[in-house]
Amino acid sequence: MDHYYGLIIFICCWIPGFGKIPPPINVTMDSFNFINTLRWNRPADLEGDVTYTVQYKMDLKSKRIRYTTLCVTREQQCDSSIIDYAAYVRVNAQLHSNKSAWVTIYFNPFKQTIIGAPKAEVSSRSEYLDVSFSGPFVGTSGKSLKEVYGDFIYRVFYWQQSDPTNVFILPTGLNKDTLHNLETWTTYCVKVQAYVPTEDIAGQFSPEICRQTTEGDWTPTWKIVVVFVGSMALAVTLILLLTFITIKAYKSIRSIFYPSYSFPQHLKEYLSRQFYSAPYLPSQPPEDCGESCEQLTFVSEETEEKDAS
């Protein structure tokens, strides 16, 4: 009889534990710029091929809202970036036909996500520094967190490089602003942070950027060098162009007045022959002719031929 009582007591104690395995531990949600990942750890005493199921439901007053499955995985993490509003997220473990209890956490991405650093650019303009900034963005979607939060500003921190303890803060809702009342010829360092006033959440800082202010309408050295080099290049180009045009014009004129070709050889021979006409002799007065003077008669080959005929 005692054996029956012992068996009954054993069955009553064993049945409630049937089909139960330890639940996941250290369940947390990591969120950066609304990219959410649920992570957990496997219980130390749980062995075998364990499958995890992750579900969520929005934190709304409606009782009709049910849990929706995010993922079923053997890994110890689940991408939960689809959650863009306050929600309850839960995870359990399953080994064969045995399931663990659900572990539920509350997650509000607007309050719990880590806001990354914006991208900042700084340029010097006389006694001012122009600062422009953009982002941060939701993953690679290109959507700015400024669109997500609505009430979203940038806080510009700046200080003299020689005095980093004296920091000034310029809040702005624009994507570009100017730092005024700066000392000339002084190096200032700037870093920018995103801030959500309604949630009192401050984002990460952008890398520090240091620039030196100038004075008046001072022109940077690099601009002077660029203008000088550009002017020299233009002058050399014009000189070479004028030289080329002058040489071409000279060759054209020379070819007109002093052609490079020569007369044909037969024309040269023709022009170099003696003509058969009596040469011209200067006349002398008759009185200059004395005994030594005689009258000469020039007979050409043509005259001889006529006489012979």
Protein backbone atom coordinates (compact mmCIF):
# COMPACT_ATOMS: atom_id res chain seq x y z
CA MET A 1 0.00 0.00 0.00
CA ASP A 2 2.84 2.33 0.83
CA HIS A 3 4.32 1.63 -2.57
CA TYR A 4 1.16 2.92 -4.27
CA TYR A 5 1.23 6.14 -2.25
CA GLY A 6 4.87 6.65 -3.15
CA LEU A 7 4.17 6.13 -6.85
CA ILE A 8 1.28 8.57 -6.80
CA ILE A 9 3.38 11.23 -5.11
CA PHE A 10 6.19 10.74 -7.67
CA ILE A 11 3.78 11.04 -10.62
CA CYS A 12 2.21 14.21 -9.19
CA CYS A 13 5.62 15.81 -8.81
CA TRP A 14 6.93 14.65 -12.20
CA ILE A 15 3.99 15.50 -14.49
CA PRO A 16 4.17 19.34 -14.04
CA GLY A 17 7.80 19.26 -15.17
CA PHE A 18 7.09 17.13 -18.24
CA GLY A 19 7.76 18.92 -21.54
CA LYS A 20 9.48 21.93 -19.95
CA ILE A 21 13.04 23.12 -20.71
CA PRO A 22 14.91 26.13 -19.30
CA PRO A 23 14.08 29.45 -21.06
CA PRO A 24 16.69 31.72 -22.70
CA ILE A 25 18.58 34.02 -20.33
CA ASN A 26 20.04 37.55 -20.58
CA VAL A 27 17.44 38.67 -23.12
CA THR A 28 18.25 42.20 -24.34
CA MET A 29 17.54 44.44 -27.29
CA ASP A 30 20.45 46.22 -28.98
CA SER A 31 19.34 49.22 -31.02
CA PHE A 32 21.46 51.68 -33.03
CA ASN A 33 19.74 54.27 -35.23
CA PHE A 34 16.56 52.14 -35.18
CA ILE A 35 18.41 49.00 -36.34
CA ASN A 36 17.26 46.57 -33.66
CA THR A 37 18.65 43.14 -32.75
CA LEU A 38 17.24 40.93 -29.99
CA ARG A 39 19.97 38.87 -28.27
CA TRP A 40 19.91 36.17 -25.60
CA ASN A 41 22.03 33.39 -24.11
CA ARG A 42 21.47 29.68 -24.00
CA PRO A 43 20.94 28.17 -20.53
CA ALA A 44 24.05 26.40 -19.32
CA ASP A 45 22.22 23.14 -18.55
CA LEU A 46 20.41 22.99 -21.91
CA GLU A 47 21.99 20.70 -24.49
CA GLY A 48 20.95 19.60 -27.97
CA ASP A 49 19.72 21.27 -31.17
CA VAL A 50 17.65 24.11 -29.71
CA THR A 51 15.32 26.29 -31.81
CA TYR A 52 14.27 29.77 -30.67
CA THR A 53 11.11 31.63 -31.60
CA VAL A 54 10.83 35.43 -31.35
CA GLN A 55 7.49 37.24 -31.37
CA TYR A 56 6.32 40.82 -30.80
CA LYS A 57 3.17 42.89 -30.46
CA MET A 58 2.73 46.66 -30.42
CA ASP A 59 1.99 48.39 -27.12
CA LEU A 60 -1.51 49.51 -28.02
CA LYS A 61 -4.64 49.64 -25.91
CA SER A 62 -6.55 47.41 -28.29
CA LYS A 63 -6.97 43.88 -26.95
CA ARG A 64 -7.16 42.50 -30.46
CA ILE A 65 -3.45 42.95 -30.97
CA ARG A 66 -1.80 39.54 -31.07
CA TYR A 67 1.80 38.45 -31.12
CA THR A 68 3.46 38.24 -34.53
CA THR A 69 6.40 35.92 -35.19
CA LEU A 70 9.60 37.71 -36.11
CA CYS A 71 11.87 34.74 -36.65
CA VAL A 72 12.47 31.08 -35.86
CA THR A 73 16.20 30.46 -35.60
CA ARG A 74 18.93 28.32 -34.08
CA GLU A 75 21.08 31.40 -33.53
CA GLN A 76 20.99 33.46 -30.37
CA GLN A 77 19.88 36.66 -32.00
CA CYS A 78 17.07 37.99 -34.22
CA ASP A 79 16.84 41.08 -36.43
CA SER A 80 13.96 43.15 -35.03
CA SER A 81 14.35 46.33 -37.09
CA ILE A 82 10.73 46.04 -38.17
CA ILE A 83 9.77 47.29 -34.70
CA ASP A 84 9.49 51.08 -35.04
CA TYR A 85 7.13 51.66 -32.12
CA ALA A 86 6.86 50.66 -28.46
CA ALA A 87 6.27 46.91 -28.30
CA TYR A 88 6.49 43.76 -26.21
CA VAL A 89 9.03 41.26 -27.48
CA ARG A 90 9.30 37.68 -26.29
CA VAL A 91 11.44 34.63 -27.00
CA ASN A 92 11.30 30.96 -26.02
CA ALA A 93 13.33 27.83 -26.67
CA GLN A 94 12.23 24.52 -28.11
CA LEU A 95 14.06 21.20 -28.01
CA HIS A 96 12.25 18.51 -29.99
CA SER A 97 8.67 18.68 -28.70
CA ASN A 98 9.61 20.39 -25.45
CA LYS A 99 9.18 24.13 -25.11
CA SER A 100 10.34 26.62 -22.52
CA ALA A 101 8.37 29.45 -21.00
CA TRP A 102 8.33 32.80 -22.80
CA VAL A 103 10.74 35.53 -21.72
CA THR A 104 9.18 38.95 -22.43
CA ILE A 105 10.81 42.38 -22.48
CA TYR A 106 9.44 45.85 -23.23
CA PHE A 107 11.16 47.85 -25.96
CA ASN A 108 10.61 51.43 -27.08
CA PRO A 109 13.00 52.36 -29.93
CA PHE A 110 12.32 56.10 -29.53
CA LYS A 111 13.72 55.98 -26.00
CA GLN A 112 16.17 53.09 -26.13
CA THR A 113 17.89 53.33 -29.51
CA ILE A 114 21.39 54.77 -29.57
CA ILE A 115 21.59 57.83 -31.84
CA GLY A 116 24.77 57.81 -33.88
CA ALA A 117 27.02 60.72 -34.75
CA PRO A 118 26.02 63.11 -37.55
CA LYS A 119 28.37 63.92 -40.40
CA ALA A 120 29.86 67.40 -39.98
CA GLU A 121 31.86 69.72 -42.26
CA VAL A 122 33.58 72.96 -41.22
CA SER A 123 34.94 75.72 -43.48
CA SER A 124 36.67 78.99 -42.58
CA ARG A 125 35.29 82.27 -43.92
CA SER A 126 36.99 85.43 -42.69
CA GLU A 127 36.12 85.83 -38.98
CA TYR A 128 33.52 83.04 -39.11
CA LEU A 129 33.26 79.28 -39.29
CA ASP A 130 30.54 77.71 -41.44
CA VAL A 131 29.34 74.38 -40.07
CA SER A 132 27.11 71.97 -42.02
CA PHE A 133 25.80 68.61 -40.83
CA SER A 134 23.60 65.72 -41.96
CA GLY A 135 22.21 62.50 -40.52
CA PRO A 136 22.41 60.27 -38.68
CA PHE A 137 20.37 57.92 -40.85
CA VAL A 138 18.30 54.80 -40.28
CA GLY A 139 20.67 52.08 -41.46
CA THR A 140 21.31 52.35 -45.19
CA SER A 141 17.79 53.54 -46.04
CA GLY A 142 18.86 57.18 -46.36
CA LYS A 143 16.05 58.23 -44.02
CA SER A 144 17.27 60.76 -41.46
CA LEU A 145 16.42 60.38 -37.79
CA LYS A 146 15.24 63.97 -38.03
CA GLU A 147 12.29 62.66 -40.05
CA VAL A 148 11.67 59.89 -37.52
CA TYR A 149 11.64 62.03 -34.38
CA GLY A 150 10.33 65.29 -35.78
CA ASP A 151 11.50 67.27 -32.75
CA PHE A 152 15.19 66.97 -33.53
CA ILE A 153 18.05 69.49 -33.33
CA TYR A 154 21.82 69.64 -33.63
CA ARG A 155 24.07 70.92 -30.89
CA VAL A 156 27.34 72.43 -32.09
CA PHE A 157 30.13 72.40 -29.50
CA TYR A 158 33.12 74.64 -30.26
CA TRP A 159 36.14 75.95 -28.39
CA GLN A 160 39.57 77.44 -28.95
CA GLN A 161 42.16 74.75 -29.47
CA SER A 162 44.40 76.44 -26.91
CA ASP A 163 41.60 76.48 -24.29
CA PRO A 164 39.55 73.25 -24.49
CA THR A 165 37.87 73.84 -21.11
CA ASN A 166 35.91 76.88 -22.33
CA VAL A 167 33.27 75.23 -24.54
CA PHE A 168 30.44 77.06 -26.30
CA ILE A 169 27.21 75.38 -27.47
CA LEU A 170 25.09 76.46 -30.43
CA PRO A 171 21.72 74.63 -30.78
CA THR A 172 20.14 74.73 -34.23
CA GLY A 173 17.34 73.04 -36.08
CA LEU A 174 18.95 73.73 -39.47
CA ASN A 175 21.42 71.65 -41.42
CA LYS A 176 23.87 74.54 -41.61
CA ASP A 177 24.86 77.38 -39.31
CA THR A 178 27.62 79.93 -38.78
CA LEU A 179 29.75 80.51 -35.69
CA HIS A 180 30.06 84.26 -35.06
CA ASN A 181 32.12 86.49 -32.77
CA LEU A 182 35.30 84.48 -33.20
CA GLU A 183 38.80 85.79 -32.73
CA THR A 184 40.81 86.25 -35.91
CA TRP A 185 43.77 84.04 -36.73
CA THR A 186 42.69 81.57 -34.05
CA THR A 187 42.19 77.82 -34.36
CA TYR A 188 38.79 76.55 -33.20
CA CYS A 189 37.69 72.94 -32.80
CA VAL A 190 34.13 71.81 -33.53
CA LYS A 191 32.08 68.69 -32.88
CA VAL A 192 28.36 68.12 -33.47
CA GLN A 193 25.76 66.05 -31.63
CA ALA A 194 22.14 65.17 -32.45
CA TYR A 195 19.65 65.84 -29.66
CA VAL A 196 15.95 64.99 -29.13
CA PRO A 197 14.46 67.51 -26.64
CA THR A 198 11.15 65.68 -26.11
CA GLU A 199 12.91 62.49 -25.04
CA ASP A 200 15.99 64.22 -23.62
CA ILE A 201 18.18 61.89 -25.65
CA ALA A 202 21.63 62.99 -26.82
CA GLY A 203 23.40 61.21 -29.63
CA GLN A 204 27.05 60.44 -30.20
CA PHE A 205 29.54 63.18 -31.10
CA SER A 206 31.01 63.61 -34.54
CA PRO A 207 34.83 63.60 -34.81
CA GLU A 208 36.50 66.88 -33.84
CA ILE A 209 37.34 69.22 -36.71
CA CYS A 210 39.75 72.13 -36.17
CA ARG A 211 39.98 75.18 -38.45
CA GLN A 212 41.75 78.55 -38.26
CA THR A 213 39.86 81.79 -38.68
CA THR A 214 41.22 84.58 -40.89
CA GLU A 215 40.82 88.33 -41.02
CA GLY A 216 38.82 90.58 -43.36
CA ASP A 217 38.87 89.62 -47.00
CA TRP A 218 42.10 87.68 -46.73
CA THR A 219 42.48 85.23 -49.57
CA PRO A 220 43.81 81.77 -48.78
CA THR A 221 47.28 80.95 -50.11
CA TRP A 222 46.04 78.01 -52.15
CA LYS A 223 43.65 80.27 -54.05
CA ILE A 224 46.47 82.69 -54.87
CA VAL A 225 48.63 79.81 -56.13
CA VAL A 226 45.79 78.45 -58.26
CA VAL A 227 45.11 81.86 -59.84
CA PHE A 228 48.83 82.47 -60.50
CA VAL A 229 49.41 79.06 -62.07
CA GLY A 230 46.22 79.42 -64.14
CA SER A 231 47.29 82.85 -65.40
CA MET A 232 50.76 81.59 -66.34
CA ALA A 233 49.31 78.62 -68.18
CA LEU A 234 46.92 80.89 -70.09
CA ALA A 235 49.74 83.31 -71.02
CA VAL A 236 51.99 80.50 -72.27
CA THR A 237 49.12 79.09 -74.31
CA LEU A 238 48.44 82.47 -75.95
CA ILE A 239 52.15 83.00 -76.76
CA LEU A 240 52.43 79.59 -78.37
CA LEU A 241 49.25 80.21 -80.35
CA LEU A 242 50.47 83.59 -81.63
CA THR A 243 53.86 82.11 -82.55
CA PHE A 244 52.21 79.33 -84.50
CA ILE A 245 49.98 81.79 -86.37
CA THR A 246 52.97 84.06 -87.19
CA ILE A 247 55.04 81.17 -88.57
CA LYS A 248 52.16 79.96 -90.73
CA ALA A 249 51.58 83.49 -92.10
CA TYR A 250 55.29 83.96 -92.86
CA LYS A 251 55.46 80.67 -94.75
CA SER A 252 52.36 81.55 -96.77
CA ILE A 253 53.69 85.00 -97.80
CA ARG A 254 57.09 83.58 -98.66
CA SER A 255 55.57 80.88 -100.82
CA ILE A 256 53.75 83.60 -102.83
CA PHE A 257 56.67 85.99 -103.47
CA TYR A 258 59.50 83.51 -103.32
CA PRO A 259 58.18 80.23 -104.63
CA SER A 260 60.25 77.23 -103.89
CA TYR A 261 59.92 75.79 -107.44
CA SER A 262 62.39 76.68 -110.38
CA PHE A 263 62.02 77.20 -114.15
CA PRO A 264 62.25 74.08 -116.28
CA GLN A 265 65.70 73.35 -117.71
CA HIS A 266 64.69 73.85 -121.36
CA LEU A 267 63.38 77.36 -120.57
CA LYS A 268 66.65 78.25 -118.89
CA GLU A 269 68.62 77.08 -121.96
CA TYR A 270 66.37 79.03 -124.30
CA LEU A 271 66.74 82.25 -122.35
CA SER A 272 70.50 81.86 -122.13
CA ARG A 273 71.04 81.68 -125.99
CA GLN A 274 72.42 84.67 -128.05
CA PHE A 275 69.98 86.30 -130.41
CA TYR A 276 71.06 86.79 -134.14
CA SER A 277 70.73 90.54 -134.29
CA ALA A 278 73.46 93.03 -134.74
CA PRO A 279 74.92 93.97 -131.45
CA TYR A 280 74.51 97.48 -130.36
CA LEU A 281 77.64 99.57 -130.70
CA PRO A 282 77.89 103.07 -129.47
CA SER A 283 78.29 105.61 -132.29
CA GLN A 284 81.46 107.66 -132.53
CA PRO A 285 81.85 110.99 -134.15
CA PRO A 286 83.44 110.87 -137.66
CA GLU A 287 86.17 113.25 -136.65
CA ASP A 288 87.54 110.83 -134.13
CA CYS A 289 88.37 108.32 -136.90
CA GLY A 290 91.94 108.59 -138.04
CA GLU A 291 94.26 106.51 -140.12
CA SER A 292 93.88 103.67 -137.71
CA CYS A 293 90.15 103.46 -138.28
CA GLU A 294 88.61 101.19 -140.86
CA GLN A 295 85.09 100.52 -141.80
CA LEU A 296 83.90 97.14 -140.67
CA THR A 297 81.02 95.21 -142.04
CA PHE A 298 79.37 92.59 -139.87
CA VAL A 299 77.99 89.66 -141.80
CA SER A 300 75.77 87.23 -140.09
CA GLU A 301 75.21 83.61 -141.07
CA GLU A 302 71.80 84.55 -142.36
CA THR A 303 73.32 87.18 -144.81
CA GLU A 304 75.84 84.65 -146.12
CA GLU A 305 73.08 82.18 -146.84
CA LYS A 306 71.15 84.83 -148.84
CA ASP A 307 74.22 85.75 -150.89
CA ALA A 308 74.96 82.15 -151.69
CA SER A 309 71.47 81.68 -152.97
